[in-house]
Amino acid sequence: MKKLSKVQLKQQAAVLAAVTALEQQALTELPGTVQCWFSMEYEAFPGSLLVRVQMAEQAALDNAQPQLLLWQKRLSGLLLKKGIVLKDLRKHLVFTLSGPEE
């Protein structure tokens, strides 16, 4: 695996901090939340960023779905504080049942 540049490490740290803050909010406010995780391609950042909020079961996922836009806005706000601007916030956060290993 290629070693990350200093800029990429800084981007990764900023995203990790924002996702961790979002995860703490989700664990307290969204029943059934298991964890939050993200993936991104550094060459296409921030457009390639995708944050997933993993839910424990289908019922929790169904209950959370109407709040998706609110959580997308929260992610956008957290990243904005870190200096990362998302052009289309709807593309960057989803609720899912699958984990990072799947």
Protein backbone atom coordinates (compact mmCIF):
# COMPACT_ATOMS: atom_id res chain seq x y z
CA MET A 1 0.00 0.00 0.00
CA LYS A 2 1.25 3.44 -0.94
CA LYS A 3 2.37 5.71 1.87
CA LEU A 4 0.11 8.75 2.38
CA SER A 5 1.45 12.26 1.90
CA LYS A 6 1.30 14.85 4.68
CA VAL A 7 -1.72 16.49 3.02
CA GLN A 8 -3.53 13.15 2.77
CA LEU A 9 -2.76 12.37 6.40
CA LYS A 10 -4.15 15.77 7.39
CA GLN A 11 -7.31 15.13 5.34
CA GLN A 12 -7.70 11.70 6.91
CA ALA A 13 -7.32 13.11 10.43
CA ALA A 14 -9.90 15.84 9.76
CA VAL A 15 -12.42 13.37 8.35
CA LEU A 16 -11.79 10.92 11.18
CA ALA A 17 -12.41 13.64 13.78
CA ALA A 18 -15.66 14.70 12.08
CA VAL A 19 -16.90 11.12 11.68
CA THR A 20 -16.04 10.32 15.31
CA ALA A 21 -18.04 13.35 16.49
CA LEU A 22 -20.94 12.32 14.25
CA GLU A 23 -20.74 8.76 15.60
CA GLN A 24 -21.00 10.00 19.19
CA GLN A 25 -24.14 11.99 18.29
CA ALA A 26 -25.64 9.03 16.43
CA LEU A 27 -25.00 6.60 19.28
CA THR A 28 -26.94 8.85 21.67
CA GLU A 29 -29.67 10.14 19.34
CA LEU A 30 -30.34 7.32 16.85
CA PRO A 31 -31.55 4.10 18.47
CA GLY A 32 -29.95 1.03 16.91
CA THR A 33 -26.74 2.72 15.76
CA VAL A 34 -23.75 0.37 15.83
CA GLN A 35 -20.96 2.56 14.42
CA CYS A 36 -19.96 5.07 11.77
CA TRP A 37 -17.25 4.43 9.20
CA PHE A 38 -16.00 6.05 6.02
CA SER A 39 -14.17 5.40 2.80
CA MET A 40 -12.55 7.79 0.35
CA GLU A 41 -10.16 7.96 -2.54
CA TYR A 42 -7.53 10.59 -1.83
CA GLU A 43 -7.13 11.51 -5.50
CA ALA A 44 -10.85 12.42 -5.72
CA PHE A 45 -11.28 13.94 -2.24
CA PRO A 46 -13.69 15.34 -1.04
CA GLY A 47 -16.02 14.12 -3.81
CA SER A 48 -15.22 10.47 -3.09
CA LEU A 49 -15.95 10.63 0.65
CA LEU A 50 -18.73 8.29 1.78
CA VAL A 51 -19.69 8.04 5.44
CA ARG A 52 -21.87 5.13 6.50
CA VAL A 53 -23.91 4.98 9.68
CA GLN A 54 -24.31 1.29 10.46
CA MET A 55 -27.59 0.25 12.08
CA ALA A 56 -28.14 -2.97 14.06
CA GLU A 57 -31.35 -4.10 12.37
CA GLN A 58 -33.81 -3.28 9.59
CA ALA A 59 -36.33 -1.68 12.00
CA ALA A 60 -33.69 0.78 13.25
CA LEU A 61 -32.71 1.54 9.65
CA ASP A 62 -36.35 2.19 8.70
CA ASN A 63 -36.81 4.50 11.71
CA ALA A 64 -33.64 6.46 10.93
CA GLN A 65 -34.27 6.91 7.19
CA PRO A 66 -36.61 9.95 7.53
CA GLN A 67 -33.82 11.77 9.42
CA LEU A 68 -31.19 11.18 6.74
CA LEU A 69 -31.08 14.79 5.49
CA LEU A 70 -30.60 16.09 9.05
CA TRP A 71 -27.60 13.78 9.54
CA GLN A 72 -26.17 14.71 6.13
CA LYS A 73 -26.33 18.37 7.18
CA ARG A 74 -24.64 17.55 10.48
CA LEU A 75 -21.80 15.78 8.68
CA SER A 76 -21.42 18.71 6.30
CA GLY A 77 -21.27 21.13 9.23
CA LEU A 78 -18.67 19.07 11.10
CA LEU A 79 -16.49 18.83 8.00
CA LEU A 80 -16.91 22.56 7.29
CA LYS A 81 -15.45 23.29 10.74
CA LYS A 82 -12.41 21.27 9.62
CA GLY A 83 -12.15 23.28 6.38
CA ILE A 84 -13.67 20.61 4.10
CA VAL A 85 -16.52 21.72 1.85
CA LEU A 86 -18.93 19.15 0.42
CA LYS A 87 -20.61 20.36 -2.78
CA ASP A 88 -23.54 17.93 -2.65
CA LEU A 89 -24.01 16.82 0.95
CA ARG A 90 -26.59 14.18 -0.03
CA LYS A 91 -23.93 12.04 -1.73
CA HIS A 92 -21.69 11.67 1.30
CA LEU A 93 -23.71 9.95 4.06
CA VAL A 94 -25.92 6.86 4.03
CA PHE A 95 -27.56 4.60 6.60
CA THR A 96 -26.74 0.92 6.14
CA LEU A 97 -26.91 -2.49 7.78
CA SER A 98 -23.50 -3.63 6.47
CA GLY A 99 -20.24 -3.12 8.34
CA PRO A 100 -16.78 -2.17 7.07
CA GLU A 101 -15.71 -5.82 6.76
CA GLU A 102 -18.60 -6.77 4.48
